[in-house]
Amino acid sequence: MIKLRAVKIAIAASLLASLFTHIASADPDHDFSNVDCNDEKIRGLLLETYNEIKSNSDSPTVIDTYDQTTVTGGKNKLICHGIYEFSDGDKLNMTYKLYKNSIGQFISSFDPDTDN
């Protein structure tokens, strides 16, 4: 179960990095202050992209993401927290973080809650 969660987290991190890096590459500075992490369109994009990345592996797919809250949104920074449900019945509470490092590159991290 722990190895499966690690795979899910790695895939989720890749998903979100590619999604937000694409946004960032088109606009070096981006204002995320109006992003609603629980917006159906954003959740739909996350599900679709996650499952496309996963298509070359045997990992379970994400079937739902919900109760997403925008913890912080601003210039070059976004933090979201919510639940991801997988096709194997597993659910993970995770926090997504997007920010710029000191050389201007967007960095993404996806961290599961310690009580999962």
PDB file of N, CA and C in Angstrom:
ATOM      1  N   MET A   1       0.822  -1.190   0.000  1.00  0.00           N
ATOM      2  CA  MET A   1       0.000   0.000   0.000  1.00  0.00           C
ATOM      3  C   MET A   1       0.864   1.251   0.000  1.00  0.00           C
ATOM      4  N   ILE A   2       1.967   1.250   0.772  1.00  0.00           N
ATOM      5  CA  ILE A   2       2.836   2.426   0.829  1.00  0.00           C
ATOM      6  C   ILE A   2       3.513   2.657  -0.509  1.00  0.00           C
ATOM      7  N   LYS A   3       3.991   1.566  -1.166  1.00  0.00           N
ATOM      8  CA  LYS A   3       4.629   1.721  -2.477  1.00  0.00           C
ATOM      9  C   LYS A   3       3.644   2.261  -3.488  1.00  0.00           C
ATOM     10  N   LEU A   4       2.391   1.784  -3.457  1.00  0.00           N
ATOM     11  CA  LEU A   4       1.364   2.255  -4.370  1.00  0.00           C
ATOM     12  C   LEU A   4       1.106   3.735  -4.154  1.00  0.00           C
ATOM     13  N   ARG A   5       1.048   4.170  -2.903  1.00  0.00           N
ATOM     14  CA  ARG A   5       0.846   5.593  -2.622  1.00  0.00           C
ATOM     15  C   ARG A   5       2.011   6.420  -3.129  1.00  0.00           C
ATOM     16  N   ALA A   6       3.234   5.909  -3.003  1.00  0.00           N
ATOM     17  CA  ALA A   6       4.402   6.637  -3.499  1.00  0.00           C
ATOM     18  C   ALA A   6       4.316   6.806  -5.005  1.00  0.00           C
ATOM     19  N   VAL A   7       3.860   5.768  -5.717  1.00  0.00           N
ATOM     20  CA  VAL A   7       3.694   5.856  -7.172  1.00  0.00           C
ATOM     21  C   VAL A   7       2.630   6.887  -7.502  1.00  0.00           C
ATOM     22  N   LYS A   8       1.511   6.848  -6.771  1.00  0.00           N
ATOM     23  CA  LYS A   8       0.435   7.811  -7.009  1.00  0.00           C
ATOM     24  C   LYS A   8       0.923   9.241  -6.795  1.00  0.00           C
ATOM     25  N   ILE A   9       1.697   9.447  -5.756  1.00  0.00           N
ATOM     26  CA  ILE A   9       2.203  10.785  -5.447  1.00  0.00           C
ATOM     27  C   ILE A   9       3.169  11.242  -6.527  1.00  0.00           C
ATOM     28  N   ALA A  10       4.047  10.350  -6.993  1.00  0.00           N
ATOM     29  CA  ALA A  10       4.999  10.711  -8.046  1.00  0.00           C
ATOM     30  C   ALA A  10       4.270  11.076  -9.326  1.00  0.00           C
ATOM     31  N   ILE A  11       3.242  10.307  -9.684  1.00  0.00           N
ATOM     32  CA  ILE A  11       2.475  10.605 -10.894  1.00  0.00           C
ATOM     33  C   ILE A  11       1.730  11.919 -10.728  1.00  0.00           C
ATOM     34  N   ALA A  12       1.142  12.136  -9.564  1.00  0.00           N
ATOM     35  CA  ALA A  12       0.421  13.386  -9.316  1.00  0.00           C
ATOM     36  C   ALA A  12       1.358  14.583  -9.402  1.00  0.00           C
ATOM     37  N   ALA A  13       2.556  14.455  -8.877  1.00  0.00           N
ATOM     38  CA  ALA A  13       3.532  15.547  -8.937  1.00  0.00           C
ATOM     39  C   ALA A  13       3.897  15.840 -10.384  1.00  0.00           C
ATOM     40  N   SER A  14       4.097  14.802 -11.188  1.00  0.00           N
ATOM     41  CA  SER A  14       4.412  14.989 -12.602  1.00  0.00           C
ATOM     42  C   SER A  14       3.268  15.670 -13.328  1.00  0.00           C
ATOM     43  N   LEU A  15       2.055  15.227 -13.021  1.00  0.00           N
ATOM     44  CA  LEU A  15       0.862  15.809 -13.614  1.00  0.00           C
ATOM     45  C   LEU A  15       0.791  17.307 -13.360  1.00  0.00           C
ATOM     46  N   LEU A  16       0.882  17.691 -12.126  1.00  0.00           N
ATOM     47  CA  LEU A  16       0.727  19.094 -11.780  1.00  0.00           C
ATOM     48  C   LEU A  16       1.909  19.927 -12.231  1.00  0.00           C
ATOM     49  N   ALA A  17       3.077  19.363 -12.212  1.00  0.00           N
ATOM     50  CA  ALA A  17       4.247  20.091 -12.707  1.00  0.00           C
ATOM     51  C   ALA A  17       4.066  20.413 -14.183  1.00  0.00           C
ATOM     52  N   SER A  18       3.618  19.420 -14.968  1.00  0.00           N
ATOM     53  CA  SER A  18       3.450  19.664 -16.393  1.00  0.00           C
ATOM     54  C   SER A  18       2.316  20.642 -16.659  1.00  0.00           C
ATOM     55  N   LEU A  19       1.236  20.536 -15.901  1.00  0.00           N
ATOM     56  CA  LEU A  19       0.098  21.435 -16.080  1.00  0.00           C
ATOM     57  C   LEU A  19       0.480  22.879 -15.797  1.00  0.00           C
ATOM     58  N   PHE A  20       1.078  23.140 -14.639  1.00  0.00           N
ATOM     59  CA  PHE A  20       1.379  24.505 -14.258  1.00  0.00           C
ATOM     60  C   PHE A  20       2.661  25.027 -14.891  1.00  0.00           C
ATOM     61  N   THR A  21       3.596  24.150 -15.244  1.00  0.00           N
ATOM     62  CA  THR A  21       4.782  24.601 -15.960  1.00  0.00           C
ATOM     63  C   THR A  21       4.393  25.099 -17.342  1.00  0.00           C
ATOM     64  N   HIS A  22       3.404  24.424 -17.952  1.00  0.00           N
ATOM     65  CA  HIS A  22       2.924  24.881 -19.254  1.00  0.00           C
ATOM     66  C   HIS A  22       2.351  26.290 -19.134  1.00  0.00           C
ATOM     67  N   ILE A  23       1.580  26.542 -18.106  1.00  0.00           N
ATOM     68  CA  ILE A  23       1.039  27.884 -17.878  1.00  0.00           C
ATOM     69  C   ILE A  23       2.196  28.861 -17.664  1.00  0.00           C
ATOM     70  N   ALA A  24       3.140  28.472 -16.848  1.00  0.00           N
ATOM     71  CA  ALA A  24       4.239  29.355 -16.496  1.00  0.00           C
ATOM     72  C   ALA A  24       5.145  29.635 -17.681  1.00  0.00           C
ATOM     73  N   SER A  25       5.374  28.640 -18.564  1.00  0.00           N
ATOM     74  CA  SER A  25       6.272  28.858 -19.689  1.00  0.00           C
ATOM     75  C   SER A  25       5.690  29.882 -20.663  1.00  0.00           C
ATOM     76  N   ALA A  26       4.368  29.972 -20.723  1.00  0.00           N
ATOM     77  CA  ALA A  26       3.738  30.953 -21.595  1.00  0.00           C
ATOM     78  C   ALA A  26       3.750  32.344 -20.962  1.00  0.00           C
ATOM     79  N   ASP A  27       3.859  32.406 -19.659  1.00  0.00           N
ATOM     80  CA  ASP A  27       3.834  33.663 -18.931  1.00  0.00           C
ATOM     81  C   ASP A  27       4.772  33.530 -17.735  1.00  0.00           C
ATOM     82  N   PRO A  28       6.023  34.027 -17.841  1.00  0.00           N
ATOM     83  CA  PRO A  28       7.007  33.804 -16.776  1.00  0.00           C
ATOM     84  C   PRO A  28       6.509  34.151 -15.379  1.00  0.00           C
ATOM     85  N   ASP A  29       5.787  35.237 -15.235  1.00  0.00           N
ATOM     86  CA  ASP A  29       5.168  35.554 -13.951  1.00  0.00           C
ATOM     87  C   ASP A  29       3.677  35.323 -14.103  1.00  0.00           C
ATOM     88  N   HIS A  30       3.106  34.605 -13.159  1.00  0.00           N
ATOM     89  CA  HIS A  30       1.678  34.303 -13.241  1.00  0.00           C
ATOM     90  C   HIS A  30       1.009  34.589 -11.903  1.00  0.00           C
ATOM     91  N   ASP A  31      -0.152  35.218 -11.977  1.00  0.00           N
ATOM     92  CA  ASP A  31      -0.912  35.539 -10.775  1.00  0.00           C
ATOM     93  C   ASP A  31      -1.974  34.470 -10.544  1.00  0.00           C
ATOM     94  N   PHE A  32      -1.825  33.694  -9.491  1.00  0.00           N
ATOM     95  CA  PHE A  32      -2.760  32.634  -9.145  1.00  0.00           C
ATOM     96  C   PHE A  32      -3.767  33.080  -8.081  1.00  0.00           C
ATOM     97  N   SER A  33      -3.872  34.382  -7.825  1.00  0.00           N
ATOM     98  CA  SER A  33      -4.733  34.856  -6.741  1.00  0.00           C
ATOM     99  C   SER A  33      -6.215  34.593  -6.990  1.00  0.00           C
ATOM    100  N   ASN A  34      -6.619  34.420  -8.237  1.00  0.00           N
ATOM    101  CA  ASN A  34      -8.025  34.168  -8.535  1.00  0.00           C
ATOM    102  C   ASN A  34      -8.319  32.704  -8.844  1.00  0.00           C
ATOM    103  N   VAL A  35      -7.369  31.812  -8.609  1.00  0.00           N
ATOM    104  CA  VAL A  35      -7.570  30.393  -8.894  1.00  0.00           C
ATOM    105  C   VAL A  35      -8.394  29.763  -7.784  1.00  0.00           C
ATOM    106  N   ASP A  36      -9.449  29.063  -8.185  1.00  0.00           N
ATOM    107  CA  ASP A  36     -10.266  28.287  -7.256  1.00  0.00           C
ATOM    108  C   ASP A  36      -9.916  26.822  -7.480  1.00  0.00           C
ATOM    109  N   CYS A  37      -9.198  26.228  -6.558  1.00  0.00           N
ATOM    110  CA  CYS A  37      -8.752  24.843  -6.705  1.00  0.00           C
ATOM    111  C   CYS A  37      -9.913  23.861  -6.779  1.00  0.00           C
ATOM    112  N   ASN A  38     -11.095  24.258  -6.317  1.00  0.00           N
ATOM    113  CA  ASN A  38     -12.254  23.368  -6.344  1.00  0.00           C
ATOM    114  C   ASN A  38     -13.129  23.599  -7.572  1.00  0.00           C
ATOM    115  N   ASP A  39     -12.706  24.473  -8.461  1.00  0.00           N
ATOM    116  CA  ASP A  39     -13.448  24.719  -9.695  1.00  0.00           C
ATOM    117  C   ASP A  39     -13.515  23.429 -10.516  1.00  0.00           C
ATOM    118  N   GLU A  40     -14.691  23.113 -11.042  1.00  0.00           N
ATOM    119  CA  GLU A  40     -14.877  21.862 -11.785  1.00  0.00           C
ATOM    120  C   GLU A  40     -13.952  21.756 -12.993  1.00  0.00           C
ATOM    121  N   LYS A  41     -13.688  22.870 -13.674  1.00  0.00           N
ATOM    122  CA  LYS A  41     -12.809  22.830 -14.844  1.00  0.00           C
ATOM    123  C   LYS A  41     -11.378  22.480 -14.443  1.00  0.00           C
ATOM    124  N   ILE A  42     -10.896  23.051 -13.370  1.00  0.00           N
ATOM    125  CA  ILE A  42      -9.533  22.743 -12.907  1.00  0.00           C
ATOM    126  C   ILE A  42      -9.455  21.301 -12.437  1.00  0.00           C
ATOM    127  N   ARG A  43     -10.437  20.867 -11.674  1.00  0.00           N
ATOM    128  CA  ARG A  43     -10.452  19.476 -11.214  1.00  0.00           C
ATOM    129  C   ARG A  43     -10.520  18.522 -12.395  1.00  0.00           C
ATOM    130  N   GLY A  44     -11.318  18.866 -13.399  1.00  0.00           N
ATOM    131  CA  GLY A  44     -11.417  18.034 -14.603  1.00  0.00           C
ATOM    132  C   GLY A  44     -10.100  17.951 -15.358  1.00  0.00           C
ATOM    133  N   LEU A  45      -9.407  19.086 -15.479  1.00  0.00           N
ATOM    134  CA  LEU A  45      -8.090  19.081 -16.131  1.00  0.00           C
ATOM    135  C   LEU A  45      -7.094  18.225 -15.363  1.00  0.00           C
ATOM    136  N   LEU A  46      -7.131  18.313 -14.055  1.00  0.00           N
ATOM    137  CA  LEU A  46      -6.223  17.507 -13.237  1.00  0.00           C
ATOM    138  C   LEU A  46      -6.497  16.015 -13.408  1.00  0.00           C
ATOM    139  N   LEU A  47      -7.767  15.635 -13.393  1.00  0.00           N
ATOM    140  CA  LEU A  47      -8.122  14.225 -13.579  1.00  0.00           C
ATOM    141  C   LEU A  47      -7.681  13.723 -14.950  1.00  0.00           C
ATOM    142  N   GLU A  48      -8.023  14.480 -15.986  1.00  0.00           N
ATOM    143  CA  GLU A  48      -7.699  14.075 -17.359  1.00  0.00           C
ATOM    144  C   GLU A  48      -6.187  13.947 -17.560  1.00  0.00           C
ATOM    145  N   THR A  49      -5.448  14.941 -17.115  1.00  0.00           N
ATOM    146  CA  THR A  49      -4.000  14.921 -17.302  1.00  0.00           C
ATOM    147  C   THR A  49      -3.354  13.820 -16.475  1.00  0.00           C
ATOM    148  N   TYR A  50      -3.793  13.645 -15.252  1.00  0.00           N
ATOM    149  CA  TYR A  50      -3.261  12.582 -14.397  1.00  0.00           C
ATOM    150  C   TYR A  50      -3.450  11.223 -15.069  1.00  0.00           C
ATOM    151  N   ASN A  51      -4.643  10.981 -15.560  1.00  0.00           N
ATOM    152  CA  ASN A  51      -4.947   9.685 -16.157  1.00  0.00           C
ATOM    153  C   ASN A  51      -4.230   9.478 -17.484  1.00  0.00           C
ATOM    154  N   GLU A  52      -3.945  10.542 -18.224  1.00  0.00           N
ATOM    155  CA  GLU A  52      -3.137  10.423 -19.444  1.00  0.00           C
ATOM    156  C   GLU A  52      -1.711  10.028 -19.100  1.00  0.00           C
ATOM    157  N   ILE A  53      -1.139  10.626 -18.066  1.00  0.00           N
ATOM    158  CA  ILE A  53       0.219  10.277 -17.637  1.00  0.00           C
ATOM    159  C   ILE A  53       0.248   8.828 -17.164  1.00  0.00           C
ATOM    160  N   LYS A  54      -0.746   8.408 -16.447  1.00  0.00           N
ATOM    161  CA  LYS A  54      -0.836   7.075 -15.878  1.00  0.00           C
ATOM    162  C   LYS A  54      -1.080   6.005 -16.934  1.00  0.00           C
ATOM    163  N   SER A  55      -1.521   6.367 -18.115  1.00  0.00           N
ATOM    164  CA  SER A  55      -1.950   5.390 -19.121  1.00  0.00           C
ATOM    165  C   SER A  55      -0.869   4.376 -19.496  1.00  0.00           C
ATOM    166  N   ASN A  56       0.396   4.665 -19.285  1.00  0.00           N
ATOM    167  CA  ASN A  56       1.479   3.734 -19.600  1.00  0.00           C
ATOM    168  C   ASN A  56       1.918   2.911 -18.403  1.00  0.00           C
ATOM    169  N   SER A  57       1.121   2.905 -17.349  1.00  0.00           N
ATOM    170  CA  SER A  57       1.486   2.135 -16.160  1.00  0.00           C
ATOM    171  C   SER A  57       0.284   1.328 -15.683  1.00  0.00           C
ATOM    172  N   ASP A  58       0.526   0.489 -14.721  1.00  0.00           N
ATOM    173  CA  ASP A  58      -0.549  -0.326 -14.149  1.00  0.00           C
ATOM    174  C   ASP A  58      -1.159   0.310 -12.907  1.00  0.00           C
ATOM    175  N   SER A  59      -0.816   1.536 -12.626  1.00  0.00           N
ATOM    176  CA  SER A  59      -1.319   2.219 -11.432  1.00  0.00           C
ATOM    177  C   SER A  59      -2.809   2.495 -11.573  1.00  0.00           C
ATOM    178  N   PRO A  60      -3.518   2.526 -10.452  1.00  0.00           N
ATOM    179  CA  PRO A  60      -4.939   2.896 -10.489  1.00  0.00           C
ATOM    180  C   PRO A  60      -5.114   4.325 -11.018  1.00  0.00           C
ATOM    181  N   THR A  61      -6.260   4.586 -11.600  1.00  0.00           N
ATOM    182  CA  THR A  61      -6.552   5.924 -12.107  1.00  0.00           C
ATOM    183  C   THR A  61      -7.246   6.753 -11.039  1.00  0.00           C
ATOM    184  N   VAL A  62      -7.164   8.053 -11.190  1.00  0.00           N
ATOM    185  CA  VAL A  62      -7.930   8.947 -10.327  1.00  0.00           C
ATOM    186  C   VAL A  62      -9.338   8.993 -10.898  1.00  0.00           C
ATOM    187  N   ILE A  63     -10.327   8.740 -10.026  1.00  0.00           N
ATOM    188  CA  ILE A  63     -11.714   8.794 -10.479  1.00  0.00           C
ATOM    189  C   ILE A  63     -12.443  10.024  -9.957  1.00  0.00           C
ATOM    190  N   ASP A  64     -11.853  10.687  -8.966  1.00  0.00           N
ATOM    191  CA  ASP A  64     -12.473  11.901  -8.448  1.00  0.00           C
ATOM    192  C   ASP A  64     -11.459  12.679  -7.622  1.00  0.00           C
ATOM    193  N   THR A  65     -11.617  13.972  -7.618  1.00  0.00           N
ATOM    194  CA  THR A  65     -10.864  14.845  -6.717  1.00  0.00           C
ATOM    195  C   THR A  65     -11.868  15.862  -6.196  1.00  0.00           C
ATOM    196  N   TYR A  66     -11.903  16.019  -4.899  1.00  0.00           N
ATOM    197  CA  TYR A  66     -12.949  16.866  -4.326  1.00  0.00           C
ATOM    198  C   TYR A  66     -12.483  17.500  -3.020  1.00  0.00           C
ATOM    199  N   ASP A  67     -13.355  18.356  -2.512  1.00  0.00           N
ATOM    200  CA  ASP A  67     -13.061  19.125  -1.305  1.00  0.00           C
ATOM    201  C   ASP A  67     -11.728  19.858  -1.420  1.00  0.00           C
ATOM    202  N   GLN A  68     -11.442  20.358  -2.620  1.00  0.00           N
ATOM    203  CA  GLN A  68     -10.213  21.115  -2.841  1.00  0.00           C
ATOM    204  C   GLN A  68     -10.397  22.523  -2.289  1.00  0.00           C
ATOM    205  N   THR A  69      -9.429  22.978  -1.537  1.00  0.00           N
ATOM    206  CA  THR A  69      -9.446  24.354  -1.050  1.00  0.00           C
ATOM    207  C   THR A  69      -8.187  25.061  -1.539  1.00  0.00           C
ATOM    208  N   THR A  70      -8.331  26.320  -1.834  1.00  0.00           N
ATOM    209  CA  THR A  70      -7.178  27.137  -2.196  1.00  0.00           C
ATOM    210  C   THR A  70      -6.627  27.690  -0.895  1.00  0.00           C
ATOM    211  N   VAL A  71      -5.484  27.172  -0.483  1.00  0.00           N
ATOM    212  CA  VAL A  71      -4.860  27.611   0.762  1.00  0.00           C
ATOM    213  C   VAL A  71      -4.216  28.968   0.542  1.00  0.00           C
ATOM    214  N   THR A  72      -3.465  29.096  -0.549  1.00  0.00           N
ATOM    215  CA  THR A  72      -2.796  30.344  -0.908  1.00  0.00           C
ATOM    216  C   THR A  72      -2.754  30.461  -2.428  1.00  0.00           C
ATOM    217  N   GLY A  73      -3.025  31.643  -2.909  1.00  0.00           N
ATOM    218  CA  GLY A  73      -2.883  31.935  -4.330  1.00  0.00           C
ATOM    219  C   GLY A  73      -2.353  33.343  -4.466  1.00  0.00           C
ATOM    220  N   GLY A  74      -1.349  33.526  -5.288  1.00  0.00           N
ATOM    221  CA  GLY A  74      -0.768  34.849  -5.476  1.00  0.00           C
ATOM    222  C   GLY A  74       0.199  34.838  -6.639  1.00  0.00           C
ATOM    223  N   LYS A  75       1.040  35.845  -6.688  1.00  0.00           N
ATOM    224  CA  LYS A  75       2.021  35.940  -7.773  1.00  0.00           C
ATOM    225  C   LYS A  75       3.019  34.792  -7.649  1.00  0.00           C
ATOM    226  N   ASN A  76       3.031  33.930  -8.665  1.00  0.00           N
ATOM    227  CA  ASN A  76       3.956  32.804  -8.777  1.00  0.00           C
ATOM    228  C   ASN A  76       3.848  31.808  -7.629  1.00  0.00           C
ATOM    229  N   LYS A  77       2.678  31.731  -6.980  1.00  0.00           N
ATOM    230  CA  LYS A  77       2.514  30.817  -5.856  1.00  0.00           C
ATOM    231  C   LYS A  77       1.072  30.310  -5.796  1.00  0.00           C
ATOM    232  N   LEU A  78       0.941  28.987  -5.617  1.00  0.00           N
ATOM    233  CA  LEU A  78      -0.370  28.388  -5.456  1.00  0.00           C
ATOM    234  C   LEU A  78      -0.241  27.190  -4.517  1.00  0.00           C
ATOM    235  N   ILE A  79      -1.124  27.122  -3.541  1.00  0.00           N
ATOM    236  CA  ILE A  79      -1.187  25.971  -2.649  1.00  0.00           C
ATOM    237  C   ILE A  79      -2.644  25.522  -2.575  1.00  0.00           C
ATOM    238  N   CYS A  80      -2.868  24.233  -2.911  1.00  0.00           N
ATOM    239  CA  CYS A  80      -4.201  23.636  -2.866  1.00  0.00           C
ATOM    240  C   CYS A  80      -4.160  22.416  -1.958  1.00  0.00           C
ATOM    241  N   HIS A  81      -5.295  22.121  -1.346  1.00  0.00           N
ATOM    242  CA  HIS A  81      -5.394  20.934  -0.491  1.00  0.00           C
ATOM    243  C   HIS A  81      -6.734  20.264  -0.750  1.00  0.00           C
ATOM    244  N   GLY A  82      -6.724  18.938  -0.871  1.00  0.00           N
ATOM    245  CA  GLY A  82      -7.973  18.230  -1.083  1.00  0.00           C
ATOM    246  C   GLY A  82      -7.791  16.729  -1.125  1.00  0.00           C
ATOM    247  N   ILE A  83      -8.850  16.057  -1.572  1.00  0.00           N
ATOM    248  CA  ILE A  83      -8.904  14.596  -1.577  1.00  0.00           C
ATOM    249  C   ILE A  83      -8.837  14.088  -3.014  1.00  0.00           C
ATOM    250  N   TYR A  84      -8.008  13.067  -3.217  1.00  0.00           N
ATOM    251  CA  TYR A  84      -7.943  12.351  -4.492  1.00  0.00           C
ATOM    252  C   TYR A  84      -8.415  10.925  -4.247  1.00  0.00           C
ATOM    253  N   GLU A  85      -9.377  10.483  -5.051  1.00  0.00           N
ATOM    254  CA  GLU A  85      -9.900   9.126  -4.944  1.00  0.00           C
ATOM    255  C   GLU A  85      -9.450   8.329  -6.158  1.00  0.00           C
ATOM    256  N   PHE A  86      -8.945   7.110  -5.907  1.00  0.00           N
ATOM    257  CA  PHE A  86      -8.389   6.266  -6.956  1.00  0.00           C
ATOM    258  C   PHE A  86      -9.317   5.091  -7.262  1.00  0.00           C
ATOM    259  N   SER A  87      -9.149   4.526  -8.444  1.00  0.00           N
ATOM    260  CA  SER A  87     -10.018   3.433  -8.898  1.00  0.00           C
ATOM    261  C   SER A  87      -9.909   2.183  -8.044  1.00  0.00           C
ATOM    262  N   ASP A  88      -8.869   2.065  -7.247  1.00  0.00           N
ATOM    263  CA  ASP A  88      -8.742   0.916  -6.353  1.00  0.00           C
ATOM    264  C   ASP A  88      -9.425   1.163  -5.003  1.00  0.00           C
ATOM    265  N   GLY A  89     -10.112   2.297  -4.878  1.00  0.00           N
ATOM    266  CA  GLY A  89     -10.819   2.626  -3.647  1.00  0.00           C
ATOM    267  C   GLY A  89     -10.006   3.449  -2.665  1.00  0.00           C
ATOM    268  N   ASP A  90      -8.722   3.610  -2.924  1.00  0.00           N
ATOM    269  CA  ASP A  90      -7.862   4.384  -2.031  1.00  0.00           C
ATOM    270  C   ASP A  90      -8.183   5.870  -2.149  1.00  0.00           C
ATOM    271  N   LYS A  91      -8.076   6.582  -1.065  1.00  0.00           N
ATOM    272  CA  LYS A  91      -8.262   8.033  -1.040  1.00  0.00           C
ATOM    273  C   LYS A  91      -7.069   8.642  -0.327  1.00  0.00           C
ATOM    274  N   LEU A  92      -6.562   9.733  -0.880  1.00  0.00           N
ATOM    275  CA  LEU A  92      -5.433  10.435  -0.273  1.00  0.00           C
ATOM    276  C   LEU A  92      -5.766  11.907  -0.111  1.00  0.00           C
ATOM    277  N   ASN A  93      -5.501  12.455   1.074  1.00  0.00           N
ATOM    278  CA  ASN A  93      -5.538  13.895   1.286  1.00  0.00           C
ATOM    279  C   ASN A  93      -4.155  14.414   0.946  1.00  0.00           C
ATOM    280  N   MET A  94      -4.092  15.386   0.045  1.00  0.00           N
ATOM    281  CA  MET A  94      -2.790  15.893  -0.374  1.00  0.00           C
ATOM    282  C   MET A  94      -2.801  17.405  -0.499  1.00  0.00           C
ATOM    283  N   THR A  95      -1.609  17.971  -0.336  1.00  0.00           N
ATOM    284  CA  THR A  95      -1.390  19.397  -0.533  1.00  0.00           C
ATOM    285  C   THR A  95      -0.492  19.571  -1.751  1.00  0.00           C
ATOM    286  N   TYR A  96      -0.931  20.409  -2.675  1.00  0.00           N
ATOM    287  CA  TYR A  96      -0.152  20.732  -3.862  1.00  0.00           C
ATOM    288  C   TYR A  96       0.451  22.117  -3.675  1.00  0.00           C
ATOM    289  N   LYS A  97       1.745  22.256  -3.977  1.00  0.00           N
ATOM    290  CA  LYS A  97       2.428  23.544  -3.871  1.00  0.00           C
ATOM    291  C   LYS A  97       3.131  23.867  -5.188  1.00  0.00           C
ATOM    292  N   LEU A  98       2.942  25.088  -5.631  1.00  0.00           N
ATOM    293  CA  LEU A  98       3.605  25.602  -6.826  1.00  0.00           C
ATOM    294  C   LEU A  98       4.232  26.938  -6.461  1.00  0.00           C
ATOM    295  N   TYR A  99       5.526  27.095  -6.752  1.00  0.00           N
ATOM    296  CA  TYR A  99       6.213  28.347  -6.446  1.00  0.00           C
ATOM    297  C   TYR A  99       7.444  28.460  -7.327  1.00  0.00           C
ATOM    298  N   LYS A 100       8.029  29.635  -7.377  1.00  0.00           N
ATOM    299  CA  LYS A 100       9.261  29.853  -8.140  1.00  0.00           C
ATOM    300  C   LYS A 100      10.462  29.745  -7.215  1.00  0.00           C
ATOM    301  N   ASN A 101      11.519  29.101  -7.741  1.00  0.00           N
ATOM    302  CA  ASN A 101      12.768  29.045  -6.972  1.00  0.00           C
ATOM    303  C   ASN A 101      13.588  30.313  -7.236  1.00  0.00           C
ATOM    304  N   SER A 102      14.790  30.372  -6.701  1.00  0.00           N
ATOM    305  CA  SER A 102      15.601  31.590  -6.787  1.00  0.00           C
ATOM    306  C   SER A 102      16.072  31.919  -8.206  1.00  0.00           C
ATOM    307  N   ILE A 103      16.010  30.950  -9.113  1.00  0.00           N
ATOM    308  CA  ILE A 103      16.418  31.240 -10.499  1.00  0.00           C
ATOM    309  C   ILE A 103      15.219  31.343 -11.441  1.00  0.00           C
ATOM    310  N   GLY A 104      14.030  31.457 -10.870  1.00  0.00           N
ATOM    311  CA  GLY A 104      12.835  31.732 -11.656  1.00  0.00           C
ATOM    312  C   GLY A 104      12.136  30.533 -12.268  1.00  0.00           C
ATOM    313  N   GLN A 105      12.509  29.338 -11.859  1.00  0.00           N
ATOM    314  CA  GLN A 105      11.841  28.147 -12.368  1.00  0.00           C
ATOM    315  C   GLN A 105      10.702  27.754 -11.430  1.00  0.00           C
ATOM    316  N   PHE A 106       9.583  27.325 -12.036  1.00  0.00           N
ATOM    317  CA  PHE A 106       8.483  26.857 -11.210  1.00  0.00           C
ATOM    318  C   PHE A 106       8.807  25.482 -10.632  1.00  0.00           C
ATOM    319  N   ILE A 107       8.552  25.336  -9.353  1.00  0.00           N
ATOM    320  CA  ILE A 107       8.761  24.094  -8.630  1.00  0.00           C
ATOM    321  C   ILE A 107       7.396  23.623  -8.130  1.00  0.00           C
ATOM    322  N   SER A 108       7.117  22.342  -8.332  1.00  0.00           N
ATOM    323  CA  SER A 108       5.864  21.759  -7.856  1.00  0.00           C
ATOM    324  C   SER A 108       6.160  20.644  -6.870  1.00  0.00           C
ATOM    325  N   SER A 109       5.332  20.561  -5.848  1.00  0.00           N
ATOM    326  CA  SER A 109       5.414  19.429  -4.938  1.00  0.00           C
ATOM    327  C   SER A 109       4.015  18.998  -4.572  1.00  0.00           C
ATOM    328  N   PHE A 110       3.873  17.723  -4.321  1.00  0.00           N
ATOM    329  CA  PHE A 110       2.589  17.136  -3.975  1.00  0.00           C
ATOM    330  C   PHE A 110       2.822  16.271  -2.746  1.00  0.00           C
ATOM    331  N   ASP A 111       2.323  16.701  -1.608  1.00  0.00           N
ATOM    332  CA  ASP A 111       2.619  16.047  -0.349  1.00  0.00           C
ATOM    333  C   ASP A 111       1.381  15.449   0.284  1.00  0.00           C
ATOM    334  N   PRO A 112       1.401  14.133   0.549  1.00  0.00           N
ATOM    335  CA  PRO A 112       0.244  13.527   1.231  1.00  0.00           C
ATOM    336  C   PRO A 112       0.236  13.948   2.694  1.00  0.00           C
ATOM    337  N   ASP A 113      -0.959  14.069   3.251  1.00  0.00           N
ATOM    338  CA  ASP A 113      -1.069  14.328   4.677  1.00  0.00           C
ATOM    339  C   ASP A 113      -0.471  13.148   5.429  1.00  0.00           C
ATOM    340  N   THR A 114       0.121  13.403   6.549  1.00  0.00           N
ATOM    341  CA  THR A 114       0.767  12.336   7.319  1.00  0.00           C
ATOM    342  C   THR A 114      -0.227  11.377   7.943  1.00  0.00           C
ATOM    343  N   ASP A 115      -1.491  11.747   8.039  1.00  0.00           N
ATOM    344  CA  ASP A 115      -2.491  10.863   8.651  1.00  0.00           C
ATOM    345  C   ASP A 115      -3.266  10.040   7.645  1.00  0.00           C
ATOM    346  N   ASN A 116      -2.810   9.969   6.376  1.00  0.00           N
ATOM    347  CA  ASN A 116      -3.481   9.130   5.359  1.00  0.00           C
ATOM    348  C   ASN A 116      -3.381   7.682   5.721  1.00  0.00           C
TER     349      ASN A 116
END
